Amino acid sequence: AQAAYLTSDHPLNYGYGAGSPLEKLVSLGGKVLLLGAPLDTI
C-alpha cells in the first residue's frame, strides 16, 4: 500500500538521509524485521 510513497523522489545526494525511504519508514511508524539477518545489517 505504501510502496509508491516510500520509493518516490529518492534524492541522489545523501540517499540515506532527508527525503529517503528510510526517513519515510520512520514517519509511517514502520518496523524493521531481521529475519535471520545479522544485527549489523540494519
Full PDB file with SEQRES, HELIX, SHEET, SSBOND, CRYST1, ORIGX, SCALE, CONECT and MASTER records, all heavy atoms in Angstrom:
SEQRES   1 A   42  ALA GLN ALA ALA TYR LEU THR SER ASP HIS PRO LEU ASN          
SEQRES   2 A   42  TYR GLY TYR GLY ALA GLY SER PRO LEU GLU LYS LEU VAL          
SEQRES   3 A   42  SER LEU GLY GLY LYS VAL LEU LEU LEU GLY ALA PRO LEU          
SEQRES   4 A   42  ASP THR ILE                                                  
HELIX    1 AA1 ALA A    3  THR A    7  1                                   5    
HELIX    2 AA2 PRO A   21  SER A   27  1                                   7    
HELIX    3 AA3 LEU A   39  THR A   41  5                                   3    
CRYST1    1.000    1.000    1.000  90.00  90.00  90.00 P 1           1          
ORIGX1      1.000000  0.000000  0.000000        0.00000                         
ORIGX2      0.000000  1.000000  0.000000        0.00000                         
ORIGX3      0.000000  0.000000  1.000000        0.00000                         
SCALE1      1.000000  0.000000  0.000000        0.00000                         
SCALE2      0.000000  1.000000  0.000000        0.00000                         
SCALE3      0.000000  0.000000  1.000000        0.00000                         
ATOM      1  N   ALA A   1       0.794  -1.219   0.000  1.00  0.00           N  
ATOM      2  CA  ALA A   1       0.000   0.000   0.000  1.00  0.00           C  
ATOM      3  C   ALA A   1       0.833   1.279   0.000  1.00  0.00           C  
ATOM      4  O   ALA A   1       0.446   2.286  -0.592  1.00  0.00           O  
ATOM      5  CB  ALA A   1      -0.937  -0.006   1.212  1.00  0.00           C  
ATOM      6  N   GLN A   2       1.984   1.269   0.675  1.00  0.00           N  
ATOM      7  CA  GLN A   2       2.828   2.466   0.789  1.00  0.00           C  
ATOM      8  C   GLN A   2       4.054   2.411  -0.116  1.00  0.00           C  
ATOM      9  O   GLN A   2       4.970   3.228   0.030  1.00  0.00           O  
ATOM     10  CB  GLN A   2       3.282   2.646   2.243  1.00  0.00           C  
ATOM     11  CG  GLN A   2       2.166   2.857   3.238  1.00  0.00           C  
ATOM     12  CD  GLN A   2       1.509   4.222   3.091  1.00  0.00           C  
ATOM     13  OE1 GLN A   2       2.037   5.115   2.443  1.00  0.00           O  
ATOM     14  NE2 GLN A   2       0.341   4.382   3.695  1.00  0.00           N  
ATOM     15  N   ALA A   3       4.072   1.483  -1.075  1.00  0.00           N  
ATOM     16  CA  ALA A   3       5.267   1.303  -1.907  1.00  0.00           C  
ATOM     17  C   ALA A   3       5.592   2.543  -2.719  1.00  0.00           C  
ATOM     18  O   ALA A   3       6.752   2.956  -2.803  1.00  0.00           O  
ATOM     19  CB  ALA A   3       5.078   0.099  -2.822  1.00  0.00           C  
ATOM     20  N   ALA A   4       4.585   3.154  -3.328  1.00  0.00           N  
ATOM     21  CA  ALA A   4       4.834   4.333  -4.157  1.00  0.00           C  
ATOM     22  C   ALA A   4       5.363   5.485  -3.316  1.00  0.00           C  
ATOM     23  O   ALA A   4       6.302   6.193  -3.718  1.00  0.00           O  
ATOM     24  CB  ALA A   4       3.562   4.743  -4.888  1.00  0.00           C  
ATOM     25  N   TYR A   5       4.792   5.686  -2.143  1.00  0.00           N  
ATOM     26  CA  TYR A   5       5.244   6.761  -1.266  1.00  0.00           C  
ATOM     27  C   TYR A   5       6.685   6.531  -0.815  1.00  0.00           C  
ATOM     28  O   TYR A   5       7.516   7.451  -0.848  1.00  0.00           O  
ATOM     29  CB  TYR A   5       4.328   6.859  -0.054  1.00  0.00           C  
ATOM     30  CG  TYR A   5       4.859   7.746   1.046  1.00  0.00           C  
ATOM     31  CD1 TYR A   5       4.943   9.126   0.880  1.00  0.00           C  
ATOM     32  CD2 TYR A   5       5.293   7.198   2.254  1.00  0.00           C  
ATOM     33  CE1 TYR A   5       5.449   9.944   1.887  1.00  0.00           C  
ATOM     34  CE2 TYR A   5       5.794   8.014   3.275  1.00  0.00           C  
ATOM     35  CZ  TYR A   5       5.870   9.378   3.079  1.00  0.00           C  
ATOM     36  OH  TYR A   5       6.370  10.172   4.073  1.00  0.00           O  
ATOM     37  N   LEU A   6       6.998   5.316  -0.407  1.00  0.00           N  
ATOM     38  CA  LEU A   6       8.325   5.023   0.117  1.00  0.00           C  
ATOM     39  C   LEU A   6       9.418   5.184  -0.937  1.00  0.00           C  
ATOM     40  O   LEU A   6      10.534   5.620  -0.624  1.00  0.00           O  
ATOM     41  CB  LEU A   6       8.363   3.609   0.695  1.00  0.00           C  
ATOM     42  CG  LEU A   6       7.640   3.402   2.030  1.00  0.00           C  
ATOM     43  CD1 LEU A   6       7.442   1.916   2.304  1.00  0.00           C  
ATOM     44  CD2 LEU A   6       8.420   4.055   3.173  1.00  0.00           C  
ATOM     45  N   THR A   7       9.137   4.826  -2.165  1.00  0.00           N  
ATOM     46  CA  THR A   7      10.178   4.779  -3.188  1.00  0.00           C  
ATOM     47  C   THR A   7      10.241   6.025  -4.071  1.00  0.00           C  
ATOM     48  O   THR A   7      11.182   6.173  -4.849  1.00  0.00           O  
ATOM     49  CB  THR A   7       9.990   3.552  -4.095  1.00  0.00           C  
ATOM     50  OG1 THR A   7       8.689   3.601  -4.693  1.00  0.00           O  
ATOM     51  CG2 THR A   7      10.143   2.262  -3.310  1.00  0.00           C  
ATOM     52  N   SER A   8       9.282   6.922  -3.963  1.00  0.00           N  
ATOM     53  CA  SER A   8       9.255   8.088  -4.848  1.00  0.00           C  
ATOM     54  C   SER A   8      10.233   9.164  -4.377  1.00  0.00           C  
ATOM     55  O   SER A   8      10.529   9.287  -3.185  1.00  0.00           O  
ATOM     56  CB  SER A   8       7.845   8.671  -4.910  1.00  0.00           C  
ATOM     57  OG  SER A   8       7.443   9.159  -3.645  1.00  0.00           O  
ATOM     58  N   ASP A   9      10.732   9.939  -5.339  1.00  0.00           N  
ATOM     59  CA  ASP A   9      11.533  11.146  -5.060  1.00  0.00           C  
ATOM     60  C   ASP A   9      12.722  10.874  -4.138  1.00  0.00           C  
ATOM     61  O   ASP A   9      13.019  11.665  -3.237  1.00  0.00           O  
ATOM     62  CB  ASP A   9      10.643  12.234  -4.449  1.00  0.00           C  
ATOM     63  CG  ASP A   9       9.465  12.590  -5.339  1.00  0.00           C  
ATOM     64  OD1 ASP A   9       9.654  12.673  -6.562  1.00  0.00           O  
ATOM     65  OD2 ASP A   9       8.356  12.767  -4.806  1.00  0.00           O  
ATOM     66  N   HIS A  10      13.415   9.771  -4.385  1.00  0.00           N  
ATOM     67  CA  HIS A  10      14.591   9.425  -3.581  1.00  0.00           C  
ATOM     68  C   HIS A  10      15.769  10.295  -4.012  1.00  0.00           C  
ATOM     69  O   HIS A  10      16.244  10.183  -5.147  1.00  0.00           O  
ATOM     70  CB  HIS A  10      14.916   7.941  -3.770  1.00  0.00           C  
ATOM     71  CG  HIS A  10      15.904   7.406  -2.785  1.00  0.00           C  
ATOM     72  ND1 HIS A  10      16.143   6.048  -2.649  1.00  0.00           N  
ATOM     73  CD2 HIS A  10      16.721   8.004  -1.889  1.00  0.00           C  
ATOM     74  CE1 HIS A  10      17.047   5.857  -1.721  1.00  0.00           C  
ATOM     75  NE2 HIS A  10      17.421   7.038  -1.251  1.00  0.00           N  
ATOM     76  N   PRO A  11      16.284  11.179  -3.149  1.00  0.00           N  
ATOM     77  CA  PRO A  11      17.382  12.070  -3.556  1.00  0.00           C  
ATOM     78  C   PRO A  11      18.628  11.295  -3.974  1.00  0.00           C  
ATOM     79  O   PRO A  11      18.948  10.249  -3.397  1.00  0.00           O  
ATOM     80  CB  PRO A  11      17.658  12.890  -2.288  1.00  0.00           C  
ATOM     81  CG  PRO A  11      16.414  12.783  -1.469  1.00  0.00           C  
ATOM     82  CD  PRO A  11      15.858  11.418  -1.757  1.00  0.00           C  
ATOM     83  N   LEU A  12      19.338  11.815  -4.974  1.00  0.00           N  
ATOM     84  CA  LEU A  12      20.599  11.208  -5.371  1.00  0.00           C  
ATOM     85  C   LEU A  12      21.690  11.496  -4.343  1.00  0.00           C  
ATOM     86  O   LEU A  12      22.501  10.631  -4.030  1.00  0.00           O  
ATOM     87  CB  LEU A  12      21.025  11.727  -6.747  1.00  0.00           C  
ATOM     88  CG  LEU A  12      20.364  11.091  -7.973  1.00  0.00           C  
ATOM     89  CD1 LEU A  12      20.874  11.745  -9.252  1.00  0.00           C  
ATOM     90  CD2 LEU A  12      20.599   9.588  -8.008  1.00  0.00           C  
ATOM     91  N   ASN A  13      21.721  12.725  -3.818  1.00  0.00           N  
ATOM     92  CA  ASN A  13      22.705  13.076  -2.796  1.00  0.00           C  
ATOM     93  C   ASN A  13      22.157  12.736  -1.416  1.00  0.00           C  
ATOM     94  O   ASN A  13      20.993  12.981  -1.125  1.00  0.00           O  
ATOM     95  CB  ASN A  13      23.044  14.563  -2.868  1.00  0.00           C  
ATOM     96  CG  ASN A  13      23.787  14.919  -4.139  1.00  0.00           C  
ATOM     97  OD1 ASN A  13      24.618  14.144  -4.623  1.00  0.00           O  
ATOM     98  ND2 ASN A  13      23.508  16.083  -4.686  1.00  0.00           N  
ATOM     99  N   TYR A  14      23.025  12.161  -0.601  1.00  0.00           N  
ATOM    100  CA  TYR A  14      22.660  11.775   0.767  1.00  0.00           C  
ATOM    101  C   TYR A  14      21.385  10.911   0.757  1.00  0.00           C  
ATOM    102  O   TYR A  14      20.375  11.241   1.364  1.00  0.00           O  
ATOM    103  CB  TYR A  14      22.530  13.010   1.651  1.00  0.00           C  
ATOM    104  CG  TYR A  14      23.838  13.754   1.748  1.00  0.00           C  
ATOM    105  CD1 TYR A  14      24.116  14.835   0.913  1.00  0.00           C  
ATOM    106  CD2 TYR A  14      24.832  13.319   2.619  1.00  0.00           C  
ATOM    107  CE1 TYR A  14      25.352  15.485   0.962  1.00  0.00           C  
ATOM    108  CE2 TYR A  14      26.067  13.962   2.680  1.00  0.00           C  
ATOM    109  CZ  TYR A  14      26.322  15.035   1.853  1.00  0.00           C  
ATOM    110  OH  TYR A  14      27.549  15.655   1.899  1.00  0.00           O  
ATOM    111  N   GLY A  15      21.515   9.788   0.050  1.00  0.00           N  
ATOM    112  CA  GLY A  15      20.378   8.916  -0.207  1.00  0.00           C  
ATOM    113  C   GLY A  15      19.872   8.132   0.986  1.00  0.00           C  
ATOM    114  O   GLY A  15      18.867   7.421   0.863  1.00  0.00           O  
ATOM    115  N   TYR A  16      20.562   8.231   2.134  1.00  0.00           N  
ATOM    116  CA  TYR A  16      20.067   7.586   3.353  1.00  0.00           C  
ATOM    117  C   TYR A  16      19.509   8.618   4.335  1.00  0.00           C  
ATOM    118  O   TYR A  16      19.198   8.281   5.470  1.00  0.00           O  
ATOM    119  CB  TYR A  16      21.190   6.799   4.033  1.00  0.00           C  
ATOM    120  CG  TYR A  16      21.747   5.682   3.178  1.00  0.00           C  
ATOM    121  CD1 TYR A  16      22.879   5.891   2.392  1.00  0.00           C  
ATOM    122  CD2 TYR A  16      21.140   4.430   3.152  1.00  0.00           C  
ATOM    123  CE1 TYR A  16      23.393   4.872   1.596  1.00  0.00           C  
ATOM    124  CE2 TYR A  16      21.649   3.415   2.361  1.00  0.00           C  
ATOM    125  CZ  TYR A  16      22.774   3.642   1.590  1.00  0.00           C  
ATOM    126  OH  TYR A  16      23.278   2.636   0.805  1.00  0.00           O  
ATOM    127  N   GLY A  17      19.393   9.864   3.871  1.00  0.00           N  
ATOM    128  CA  GLY A  17      19.010  10.942   4.775  1.00  0.00           C  
ATOM    129  C   GLY A  17      17.639  11.507   4.514  1.00  0.00           C  
ATOM    130  O   GLY A  17      16.662  10.773   4.297  1.00  0.00           O  
ATOM    131  N   ALA A  18      17.553  12.847   4.504  1.00  0.00           N  
ATOM    132  CA  ALA A  18      16.270  13.533   4.353  1.00  0.00           C  
ATOM    133  C   ALA A  18      15.627  13.175   3.019  1.00  0.00           C  
ATOM    134  O   ALA A  18      16.279  13.183   1.976  1.00  0.00           O  
ATOM    135  CB  ALA A  18      16.480  15.044   4.444  1.00  0.00           C  
ATOM    136  N   GLY A  19      14.335  12.861   3.066  1.00  0.00           N  
ATOM    137  CA  GLY A  19      13.601  12.504   1.865  1.00  0.00           C  
ATOM    138  C   GLY A  19      13.780  11.078   1.399  1.00  0.00           C  
ATOM    139  O   GLY A  19      13.161  10.656   0.414  1.00  0.00           O  
ATOM    140  N   SER A  20      14.618  10.310   2.092  1.00  0.00           N  
ATOM    141  CA  SER A  20      14.889   8.929   1.682  1.00  0.00           C  
ATOM    142  C   SER A  20      13.763   7.992   2.118  1.00  0.00           C  
ATOM    143  O   SER A  20      12.951   8.332   2.995  1.00  0.00           O  
ATOM    144  CB  SER A  20      16.200   8.445   2.306  1.00  0.00           C  
ATOM    145  OG  SER A  20      16.028   8.244   3.713  1.00  0.00           O  
ATOM    146  N   PRO A  21      13.701   6.807   1.550  1.00  0.00           N  
ATOM    147  CA  PRO A  21      12.735   5.812   2.021  1.00  0.00           C  
ATOM    148  C   PRO A  21      12.900   5.482   3.507  1.00  0.00           C  
ATOM    149  O   PRO A  21      11.923   5.117   4.161  1.00  0.00           O  
ATOM    150  CB  PRO A  21      13.041   4.585   1.145  1.00  0.00           C  
ATOM    151  CG  PRO A  21      13.587   5.172  -0.118  1.00  0.00           C  
ATOM    152  CD  PRO A  21      14.395   6.347   0.325  1.00  0.00           C  
ATOM    153  N   LEU A  22      14.115   5.620   4.040  1.00  0.00           N  
ATOM    154  CA  LEU A  22      14.344   5.354   5.459  1.00  0.00           C  
ATOM    155  C   LEU A  22      13.636   6.394   6.323  1.00  0.00           C  
ATOM    156  O   LEU A  22      12.994   6.048   7.316  1.00  0.00           O  
ATOM    157  CB  LEU A  22      15.840   5.335   5.760  1.00  0.00           C  
ATOM    158  CG  LEU A  22      16.664   4.292   4.999  1.00  0.00           C  
ATOM    159  CD1 LEU A  22      18.142   4.449   5.326  1.00  0.00           C  
ATOM    160  CD2 LEU A  22      16.185   2.881   5.311  1.00  0.00           C  
ATOM    161  N   GLU A  23      13.765   7.661   5.951  1.00  0.00           N  
ATOM    162  CA  GLU A  23      13.064   8.702   6.693  1.00  0.00           C  
ATOM    163  C   GLU A  23      11.551   8.488   6.615  1.00  0.00           C  
ATOM    164  O   GLU A  23      10.826   8.664   7.600  1.00  0.00           O  
ATOM    165  CB  GLU A  23      13.426  10.079   6.148  1.00  0.00           C  
ATOM    166  CG  GLU A  23      12.764  11.213   6.924  1.00  0.00           C  
ATOM    167  CD  GLU A  23      13.091  12.582   6.365  1.00  0.00           C  
ATOM    168  OE1 GLU A  23      12.703  12.853   5.205  1.00  0.00           O  
ATOM    169  OE2 GLU A  23      13.726  13.381   7.087  1.00  0.00           O  
ATOM    170  N   LYS A  24      11.082   8.088   5.437  1.00  0.00           N  
ATOM    171  CA  LYS A  24       9.649   7.863   5.257  1.00  0.00           C  
ATOM    172  C   LYS A  24       9.162   6.668   6.078  1.00  0.00           C  
ATOM    173  O   LYS A  24       8.045   6.688   6.608  1.00  0.00           O  
ATOM    174  CB  LYS A  24       9.340   7.660   3.777  1.00  0.00           C  
ATOM    175  CG  LYS A  24       9.567   8.908   2.935  1.00  0.00           C  
ATOM    176  CD  LYS A  24       9.343   8.616   1.458  1.00  0.00           C  
ATOM    177  CE  LYS A  24       9.588   9.851   0.602  1.00  0.00           C  
ATOM    178  NZ  LYS A  24       9.396   9.570  -0.839  1.00  0.00           N  
ATOM    179  N   LEU A  25       9.988   5.638   6.186  1.00  0.00           N  
ATOM    180  CA  LEU A  25       9.626   4.484   7.011  1.00  0.00           C  
ATOM    181  C   LEU A  25       9.415   4.916   8.454  1.00  0.00           C  
ATOM    182  O   LEU A  25       8.451   4.496   9.112  1.00  0.00           O  
ATOM    183  CB  LEU A  25      10.723   3.419   6.937  1.00  0.00           C  
ATOM    184  CG  LEU A  25      10.478   2.143   7.750  1.00  0.00           C  
ATOM    185  CD1 LEU A  25       9.417   1.278   7.078  1.00  0.00           C  
ATOM    186  CD2 LEU A  25      11.772   1.348   7.923  1.00  0.00           C  
ATOM    187  N   VAL A  26      10.298   5.768   8.955  1.00  0.00           N  
ATOM    188  CA  VAL A  26      10.165   6.285  10.314  1.00  0.00           C  
ATOM    189  C   VAL A  26       8.886   7.106  10.447  1.00  0.00           C  
ATOM    190  O   VAL A  26       8.134   6.971  11.419  1.00  0.00           O  
ATOM    191  CB  VAL A  26      11.408   7.125  10.683  1.00  0.00           C  
ATOM    192  CG1 VAL A  26      11.172   7.908  11.971  1.00  0.00           C  
ATOM    193  CG2 VAL A  26      12.633   6.224  10.833  1.00  0.00           C  
ATOM    194  N   SER A  27       8.605   7.949   9.446  1.00  0.00           N  
ATOM    195  CA  SER A  27       7.427   8.809   9.519  1.00  0.00           C  
ATOM    196  C   SER A  27       6.134   8.007   9.497  1.00  0.00           C  
ATOM    197  O   SER A  27       5.109   8.453  10.035  1.00  0.00           O  
ATOM    198  CB  SER A  27       7.428   9.807   8.355  1.00  0.00           C  
ATOM    199  OG  SER A  27       7.121   9.180   7.122  1.00  0.00           O  
ATOM    200  N   LEU A  28       6.168   6.822   8.896  1.00  0.00           N  
ATOM    201  CA  LEU A  28       4.977   5.963   8.827  1.00  0.00           C  
ATOM    202  C   LEU A  28       4.779   5.125  10.095  1.00  0.00           C  
ATOM    203  O   LEU A  28       3.786   4.404  10.196  1.00  0.00           O  
ATOM    204  CB  LEU A  28       5.086   5.014   7.626  1.00  0.00           C  
ATOM    205  CG  LEU A  28       4.914   5.623   6.234  1.00  0.00           C  
ATOM    206  CD1 LEU A  28       5.220   4.587   5.166  1.00  0.00           C  
ATOM    207  CD2 LEU A  28       3.501   6.169   6.048  1.00  0.00           C  
ATOM    208  N   GLY A  29       5.721   5.209  11.037  1.00  0.00           N  
ATOM    209  CA  GLY A  29       5.650   4.328  12.198  1.00  0.00           C  
ATOM    210  C   GLY A  29       5.958   2.892  11.833  1.00  0.00           C  
ATOM    211  O   GLY A  29       5.381   1.953  12.390  1.00  0.00           O  
ATOM    212  N   GLY A  30       6.881   2.716  10.879  1.00  0.00           N  
ATOM    213  CA  GLY A  30       7.192   1.391  10.359  1.00  0.00           C  
ATOM    214  C   GLY A  30       8.043   0.550  11.289  1.00  0.00           C  
ATOM    215  O   GLY A  30       8.440   0.979  12.381  1.00  0.00           O  
ATOM    216  N   LYS A  31       8.330  -0.656  10.827  1.00  0.00           N  
ATOM    217  CA  LYS A  31       9.090  -1.638  11.602  1.00  0.00           C  
ATOM    218  C   LYS A  31      10.308  -2.097  10.809  1.00  0.00           C  
ATOM    219  O   LYS A  31      10.369  -1.972   9.590  1.00  0.00           O  
ATOM    220  CB  LYS A  31       8.223  -2.855  11.930  1.00  0.00           C  
ATOM    221  CG  LYS A  31       6.898  -2.544  12.613  1.00  0.00           C  
ATOM    222  CD  LYS A  31       7.084  -2.036  14.025  1.00  0.00           C  
ATOM    223  CE  LYS A  31       5.745  -1.789  14.708  1.00  0.00           C  
ATOM    224  NZ  LYS A  31       5.905  -1.265  16.092  1.00  0.00           N  
ATOM    225  N   VAL A  32      11.274  -2.644  11.539  1.00  0.00           N  
ATOM    226  CA  VAL A  32      12.426  -3.314  10.932  1.00  0.00           C  
ATOM    227  C   VAL A  32      12.373  -4.770  11.353  1.00  0.00           C  
ATOM    228  O   VAL A  32      12.298  -5.081  12.546  1.00  0.00           O  
ATOM    229  CB  VAL A  32      13.752  -2.677  11.394  1.00  0.00           C  
ATOM    230  CG1 VAL A  32      14.944  -3.485  10.865  1.00  0.00           C  
ATOM    231  CG2 VAL A  32      13.847  -1.229  10.921  1.00  0.00           C  
ATOM    232  N   LEU A  33      12.391  -5.672  10.376  1.00  0.00           N  
ATOM    233  CA  LEU A  33      12.325  -7.109  10.641  1.00  0.00           C  
ATOM    234  C   LEU A  33      13.641  -7.753  10.238  1.00  0.00           C  
ATOM    235  O   LEU A  33      14.033  -7.706   9.072  1.00  0.00           O  
ATOM    236  CB  LEU A  33      11.177  -7.745   9.854  1.00  0.00           C  
ATOM    237  CG  LEU A  33      10.991  -9.253  10.024  1.00  0.00           C  
ATOM    238  CD1 LEU A  33      10.480  -9.599  11.418  1.00  0.00           C  
ATOM    239  CD2 LEU A  33      10.038  -9.808   8.960  1.00  0.00           C  
ATOM    240  N   LEU A  34      14.342  -8.325  11.210  1.00  0.00           N  
ATOM    241  CA  LEU A  34      15.578  -9.061  10.945  1.00  0.00           C  
ATOM    242  C   LEU A  34      15.239 -10.542  10.925  1.00  0.00           C  
ATOM    243  O   LEU A  34      15.155 -11.193  11.964  1.00  0.00           O  
ATOM    244  CB  LEU A  34      16.621  -8.759  12.011  1.00  0.00           C  
ATOM    245  CG  LEU A  34      17.128  -7.319  12.056  1.00  0.00           C  
ATOM    246  CD1 LEU A  34      17.937  -7.078  13.318  1.00  0.00           C  
ATOM    247  CD2 LEU A  34      17.963  -7.004  10.836  1.00  0.00           C  
ATOM    248  N   LEU A  35      15.039 -11.065   9.738  1.00  0.00           N  
ATOM    249  CA  LEU A  35      14.616 -12.452   9.551  1.00  0.00           C  
ATOM    250  C   LEU A  35      15.849 -13.328   9.371  1.00  0.00           C  
ATOM    251  O   LEU A  35      16.215 -13.707   8.257  1.00  0.00           O  
ATOM    252  CB  LEU A  35      13.683 -12.536   8.333  1.00  0.00           C  
ATOM    253  CG  LEU A  35      12.999 -13.864   8.036  1.00  0.00           C  
ATOM    254  CD1 LEU A  35      12.151 -14.331   9.211  1.00  0.00           C  
ATOM    255  CD2 LEU A  35      12.152 -13.747   6.784  1.00  0.00           C  
ATOM    256  N   GLY A  36      16.520 -13.612  10.488  1.00  0.00           N  
ATOM    257  CA  GLY A  36      17.748 -14.395  10.429  1.00  0.00           C  
ATOM    258  C   GLY A  36      18.965 -13.601  10.008  1.00  0.00           C  
ATOM    259  O   GLY A  36      20.060 -14.145   9.925  1.00  0.00           O  
ATOM    260  N   ALA A  37      18.794 -12.307   9.722  1.00  0.00           N  
ATOM    261  CA  ALA A  37      19.914 -11.465   9.289  1.00  0.00           C  
ATOM    262  C   ALA A  37      20.693 -10.971  10.499  1.00  0.00           C  
ATOM    263  O   ALA A  37      20.123 -10.758  11.572  1.00  0.00           O  
ATOM    264  CB  ALA A  37      19.397 -10.281   8.478  1.00  0.00           C  
ATOM    265  N   PRO A  38      21.999 -10.757  10.357  1.00  0.00           N  
ATOM    266  CA  PRO A  38      22.811 -10.253  11.479  1.00  0.00           C  
ATOM    267  C   PRO A  38      22.393  -8.853  11.892  1.00  0.00           C  
ATOM    268  O   PRO A  38      21.842  -8.089  11.095  1.00  0.00           O  
ATOM    269  CB  PRO A  38      24.237 -10.261  10.910  1.00  0.00           C  
ATOM    270  CG  PRO A  38      24.196 -11.146   9.718  1.00  0.00           C  
ATOM    271  CD  PRO A  38      22.818 -11.045   9.167  1.00  0.00           C  
ATOM    272  N   LEU A  39      22.698  -8.505  13.123  1.00  0.00           N  
ATOM    273  CA  LEU A  39      22.325  -7.189  13.646  1.00  0.00           C  
ATOM    274  C   LEU A  39      23.070  -6.057  12.941  1.00  0.00           C  
ATOM    275  O   LEU A  39      22.616  -4.906  12.971  1.00  0.00           O  
ATOM    276  CB  LEU A  39      22.605  -7.129  15.150  1.00  0.00           C  
ATOM    277  CG  LEU A  39      21.736  -8.022  16.047  1.00  0.00           C  
ATOM    278  CD1 LEU A  39      22.217  -7.945  17.486  1.00  0.00           C  
ATOM    279  CD2 LEU A  39      20.263  -7.631  15.955  1.00  0.00           C  
ATOM    280  N   ASP A  40      24.189  -6.349  12.310  1.00  0.00           N  
ATOM    281  CA  ASP A  40      24.951  -5.276  11.658  1.00  0.00           C  
ATOM    282  C   ASP A  40      24.413  -4.928  10.268  1.00  0.00           C  
ATOM    283  O   ASP A  40      25.002  -4.133   9.550  1.00  0.00           O  
ATOM    284  CB  ASP A  40      26.436  -5.628  11.570  1.00  0.00           C  
ATOM    285  CG  ASP A  40      26.715  -6.855  10.711  1.00  0.00           C  
ATOM    286  OD1 ASP A  40      25.765  -7.425  10.143  1.00  0.00           O  
ATOM    287  OD2 ASP A  40      27.895  -7.251  10.624  1.00  0.00           O  
ATOM    288  N   THR A  41      23.275  -5.524   9.880  1.00  0.00           N  
ATOM    289  CA  THR A  41      22.708  -5.270   8.545  1.00  0.00           C  
ATOM    290  C   THR A  41      21.577  -4.249   8.566  1.00  0.00           C  
ATOM    291  O   THR A  41      20.918  -4.054   7.542  1.00  0.00           O  
ATOM    292  CB  THR A  41      22.194  -6.578   7.921  1.00  0.00           C  
ATOM    293  OG1 THR A  41      21.147  -7.121   8.740  1.00  0.00           O  
ATOM    294  CG2 THR A  41      23.302  -7.600   7.763  1.00  0.00           C  
ATOM    295  N   ILE A  42      21.333  -3.586   9.685  1.00  0.00           N  
ATOM    296  CA  ILE A  42      20.181  -2.689   9.800  1.00  0.00           C  
ATOM    297  C   ILE A  42      20.470  -1.393   9.042  1.00  0.00           C  
ATOM    298  O   ILE A  42      21.110  -0.466   9.554  1.00  0.00           O  
ATOM    299  CB  ILE A  42      19.856  -2.390  11.274  1.00  0.00           C  
ATOM    300  CG1 ILE A  42      19.603  -3.691  12.042  1.00  0.00           C  
ATOM    301  CG2 ILE A  42      18.631  -1.481  11.364  1.00  0.00           C  
ATOM    302  CD1 ILE A  42      19.369  -3.501  13.529  1.00  0.00           C  
TER     303      ILE A  42                                                      
MASTER        0    0    0    3    0    0    0    6  302    1    0    4          
END                                                                             
